[in-house]
């Protein structure tokens, strides 16, 4: 039998594919997605009511989205005991800034662009709470002292002026099985953060094991 001839598909320009597949205006997007339901558009409120306040009081975790003056974005986790975010009144909430790696990406963004998006979660609940608004950094000693843990007040806080609050449906959590332990990876199959950090930082005189020990020390001694 003769040698098989390889057949090559014609090369397609990446730019050509991008232009053909790009959605470039709102009308085209709506043609694909359709219009939102009346429930989706009417659920947004511009203040913190008793339901939003109760959700925040039970939430131990949120993600915080910010962007700088050029629109370069960042998403950062925040977590503590349920109720760690304090509701000050119907338009303002306060997020403690605990010790971290001092990169301060979110904080630097807020100084340049106050727009902020928060996504609150409660373990076991698929519906999340979304809050959008404007943020600023505050260092009021009285406010900070009210958020002290283990006798240590936060370094500063992020005050958010609320513009939008609404519940987001559970479809992402249902699809992902995030709260279902039987869908979780075995511990030995999880990514190894110390190995990733070692590969990315390329710091001399470090090993994955030494980085792991440093991480564990920080988690144990410098949470607050």
Protein backbone atom coordinates (compact mmCIF):
# COMPACT_ATOMS: atom_id res chain seq x y z
CA UNK A 1 0.00 0.00 0.00
CA UNK A 2 1.34 3.41 -0.93
CA UNK A 3 2.22 6.10 1.57
CA UNK A 4 -0.75 8.07 2.83
CA UNK A 5 -0.85 11.66 1.70
CA UNK A 6 -1.40 14.21 4.43
CA UNK A 7 -4.19 16.64 3.69
CA UNK A 8 -3.75 20.13 5.08
CA UNK A 9 -6.70 22.41 5.62
CA UNK A 10 -6.24 25.88 4.19
CA UNK A 11 -4.88 28.31 6.73
CA UNK A 12 -7.48 30.68 8.10
CA UNK A 13 -6.47 34.10 9.31
CA UNK A 14 -7.08 34.60 13.01
CA UNK A 15 -8.22 38.12 12.24
CA UNK A 16 -10.73 36.82 9.67
CA UNK A 17 -12.17 34.37 12.20
CA UNK A 18 -12.36 37.08 14.84
CA UNK A 19 -14.16 39.50 12.55
CA UNK A 20 -16.66 36.87 11.43
CA UNK A 21 -17.41 35.78 15.00
CA UNK A 22 -17.28 39.13 16.75
CA UNK A 23 -20.41 40.68 18.22
CA UNK A 24 -19.90 44.42 17.98
CA UNK A 25 -23.12 46.14 19.05
CA UNK A 26 -26.00 45.83 21.46
CA UNK A 27 -28.60 45.03 18.82
CA UNK A 28 -26.58 42.09 17.54
CA UNK A 29 -26.14 40.85 21.11
CA UNK A 30 -29.88 41.09 21.72
CA UNK A 31 -30.53 39.22 18.49
CA UNK A 32 -28.50 36.33 19.94
CA UNK A 33 -29.66 36.45 23.55
CA UNK A 34 -33.14 37.90 23.36
CA UNK A 35 -34.58 40.38 25.84
CA UNK A 36 -34.43 39.92 29.62
CA UNK A 37 -37.61 38.91 31.41
CA UNK A 38 -39.61 41.37 33.48
CA UNK A 39 -38.42 39.47 36.58
CA UNK A 40 -34.78 40.00 35.62
CA UNK A 41 -35.18 43.72 35.02
CA UNK A 42 -37.44 44.50 38.00
CA UNK A 43 -35.43 42.66 40.68
CA UNK A 44 -32.77 45.40 40.94
CA UNK A 45 -33.10 47.80 43.88
CA UNK A 46 -30.83 50.84 44.60
CA UNK A 47 -30.56 50.35 48.35
CA UNK A 48 -30.02 47.77 51.09
CA UNK A 49 -33.38 46.48 52.33
CA UNK A 50 -33.98 43.95 55.10
CA UNK A 51 -33.54 40.99 52.72
CA UNK A 52 -30.18 42.20 51.38
CA UNK A 53 -29.06 43.00 54.93
CA UNK A 54 -29.99 39.50 56.13
CA UNK A 55 -28.09 37.90 53.23
CA UNK A 56 -24.95 39.93 53.97
CA UNK A 57 -25.19 38.99 57.66
CA UNK A 58 -25.03 35.28 56.74
CA UNK A 59 -22.32 35.56 54.09
CA UNK A 60 -18.70 34.62 54.97
CA UNK A 61 -17.29 35.25 51.49
CA UNK A 62 -17.43 37.63 48.55
CA UNK A 63 -15.54 38.45 45.40
CA UNK A 64 -14.66 42.06 44.68
CA UNK A 65 -14.27 43.39 41.15
CA UNK A 66 -12.48 46.65 40.43
CA UNK A 67 -10.74 48.31 37.48
CA UNK A 68 -8.15 51.05 37.08
CA UNK A 69 -8.50 54.23 35.06
CA UNK A 70 -7.67 52.32 31.86
CA UNK A 71 -10.25 49.62 32.45
CA UNK A 72 -7.69 46.95 33.43
CA UNK A 73 -9.70 44.70 35.74
CA UNK A 74 -9.05 42.75 38.90
CA UNK A 75 -11.13 40.30 40.94
CA UNK A 76 -10.21 39.57 44.53
CA UNK A 77 -11.68 37.30 47.24
CA UNK A 78 -12.64 38.55 50.69
CA UNK A 79 -13.71 36.28 53.52
CA UNK A 80 -14.19 36.08 57.27
CA UNK A 81 -16.83 35.01 59.77
CA UNK A 82 -20.43 35.51 58.54
CA UNK A 83 -21.38 39.15 58.93
CA UNK A 84 -17.82 40.43 58.50
CA UNK A 85 -19.20 43.03 56.08
CA UNK A 86 -21.04 45.67 58.08
CA UNK A 87 -24.15 47.40 56.82
CA UNK A 88 -24.00 51.03 57.95
CA UNK A 89 -27.30 52.21 56.50
CA UNK A 90 -29.46 51.55 53.45
CA UNK A 91 -26.86 53.01 51.08
CA UNK A 92 -23.51 52.10 52.64
CA UNK A 93 -21.61 48.99 53.67
CA UNK A 94 -18.12 48.50 55.06
CA UNK A 95 -15.62 45.78 54.12
CA UNK A 96 -12.61 45.26 56.42
CA UNK A 97 -9.18 45.10 54.79
CA UNK A 98 -7.26 42.38 56.64
CA UNK A 99 -3.49 41.76 56.33
CA UNK A 100 -2.45 40.39 52.95
CA UNK A 101 0.46 40.37 50.55
CA UNK A 102 0.47 44.21 50.29
CA UNK A 103 0.05 44.23 46.51
CA UNK A 104 -3.17 46.19 47.19
CA UNK A 105 -4.43 45.74 43.62
CA UNK A 106 -8.07 46.39 44.52
CA UNK A 107 -7.18 49.33 46.74
CA UNK A 108 -5.00 50.96 44.10
CA UNK A 109 -7.80 50.54 41.57
CA UNK A 110 -10.33 52.17 43.89
CA UNK A 111 -8.08 55.22 44.24
CA UNK A 112 -8.15 55.62 40.45
CA UNK A 113 -11.65 54.37 39.64
CA UNK A 114 -14.33 54.05 42.36
CA UNK A 115 -16.57 51.64 40.44
CA UNK A 116 -16.91 48.31 42.25
CA UNK A 117 -18.85 45.06 41.90
CA UNK A 118 -19.41 42.62 44.77
CA UNK A 119 -20.64 39.02 44.63
CA UNK A 120 -21.70 37.63 48.02
CA UNK A 121 -21.96 33.87 48.58
CA UNK A 122 -23.34 31.63 51.32
CA UNK A 123 -22.05 28.02 51.36
CA UNK A 124 -24.75 25.61 50.28
CA UNK A 125 -26.91 28.32 48.68
CA UNK A 126 -26.89 28.57 44.91
CA UNK A 127 -28.32 32.07 44.63
CA UNK A 128 -25.73 34.82 45.07
CA UNK A 129 -26.14 38.49 45.95
CA UNK A 130 -24.73 41.08 43.58
CA UNK A 131 -24.05 44.64 44.68
CA UNK A 132 -22.63 47.37 42.46
CA UNK A 133 -21.65 50.86 43.47
CA UNK A 134 -18.88 53.30 44.25
CA UNK A 135 -16.05 52.61 46.70
CA UNK A 136 -13.64 54.64 48.77
CA UNK A 137 -10.93 53.80 51.31
CA UNK A 138 -11.54 54.86 54.90
CA UNK A 139 -9.46 54.79 58.09
CA UNK A 140 -11.97 55.97 60.69
CA UNK A 141 -10.67 54.44 63.93
CA UNK A 142 -14.14 54.03 65.44
CA UNK A 143 -15.42 52.15 62.40
CA UNK A 144 -12.34 49.94 62.20
CA UNK A 145 -12.46 49.04 65.89
CA UNK A 146 -15.97 47.65 65.45
CA UNK A 147 -14.55 45.09 62.99
CA UNK A 148 -11.66 43.94 65.21
CA UNK A 149 -11.00 40.20 65.42
CA UNK A 150 -8.75 38.63 68.03
CA UNK A 151 -8.13 42.13 69.35
CA UNK A 152 -6.84 43.37 65.99
CA UNK A 153 -8.68 46.01 64.00
CA UNK A 154 -8.38 45.94 60.20
CA UNK A 155 -5.74 48.15 58.63
CA UNK A 156 -8.40 50.12 56.79
CA UNK A 157 -11.79 49.50 55.24
CA UNK A 158 -13.56 49.80 51.92
CA UNK A 159 -16.79 51.74 52.13
CA UNK A 160 -19.23 51.02 49.30
CA UNK A 161 -22.03 53.36 48.34
CA UNK A 162 -24.67 51.04 46.96
CA UNK A 163 -26.21 51.70 43.56
CA UNK A 164 -27.62 48.27 42.66
CA UNK A 165 -28.56 45.16 44.66
CA UNK A 166 -30.04 42.00 43.23
CA UNK A 167 -30.14 38.23 43.59
CA UNK A 168 -28.42 36.17 40.90
CA UNK A 169 -29.87 32.78 39.97
CA UNK A 170 -28.24 29.45 40.94
CA UNK A 171 -27.63 28.02 37.45
CA UNK A 172 -23.83 28.42 37.61
CA UNK A 173 -23.70 26.57 40.93
CA UNK A 174 -26.02 23.83 39.70
CA UNK A 175 -23.97 23.32 36.54
CA UNK A 176 -20.66 23.36 38.41
CA UNK A 177 -21.76 21.28 41.40
CA UNK A 178 -19.71 23.67 43.52
CA UNK A 179 -21.46 22.92 46.80
CA UNK A 180 -21.65 19.14 46.21
CA UNK A 181 -18.76 17.40 48.05
CA UNK A 182 -19.15 14.27 45.93
CA UNK A 183 -18.17 16.32 42.86
CA UNK A 184 -14.97 17.65 44.45
CA UNK A 185 -11.53 16.40 43.44
CA UNK A 186 -9.61 14.15 45.78
CA UNK A 187 -7.02 16.11 47.77
CA UNK A 188 -4.11 14.52 45.93
CA UNK A 189 -5.62 15.60 42.59
CA UNK A 190 -5.91 19.29 43.50
CA UNK A 191 -3.47 21.83 42.03
CA UNK A 192 -0.46 22.44 44.28
CA UNK A 193 -0.25 26.22 44.92
CA UNK A 194 3.29 25.97 46.31
CA UNK A 195 4.49 24.33 43.07
CA UNK A 196 2.74 26.98 41.00
CA UNK A 197 4.27 29.79 43.06
CA UNK A 198 7.73 28.22 42.80
CA UNK A 199 7.41 27.96 39.03
CA UNK A 200 6.11 31.49 38.62
CA UNK A 201 8.34 33.41 41.05
CA UNK A 202 11.59 31.59 40.21
CA UNK A 203 13.07 32.89 43.45
CA UNK A 204 16.52 31.56 44.36
CA UNK A 205 16.96 29.34 47.41
CA UNK A 206 13.31 28.30 47.46
CA UNK A 207 11.58 24.99 46.88
CA UNK A 208 7.90 24.05 46.70
CA UNK A 209 8.27 22.65 50.21
CA UNK A 210 9.77 25.85 51.64
CA UNK A 211 7.04 27.91 49.97
CA UNK A 212 4.39 25.57 51.39
CA UNK A 213 5.80 26.03 54.89
CA UNK A 214 5.74 29.80 54.44
CA UNK A 215 2.12 29.68 53.29
CA UNK A 216 1.09 27.55 56.25
CA UNK A 217 2.88 29.88 58.66
CA UNK A 218 1.07 32.90 57.21
CA UNK A 219 -2.30 31.15 57.40
CA UNK A 220 -1.61 30.15 60.99
CA UNK A 221 -0.09 33.37 62.38
CA UNK A 222 -1.03 36.31 60.16
CA UNK A 223 -4.73 36.07 59.38
CA UNK A 224 -5.41 39.20 61.40
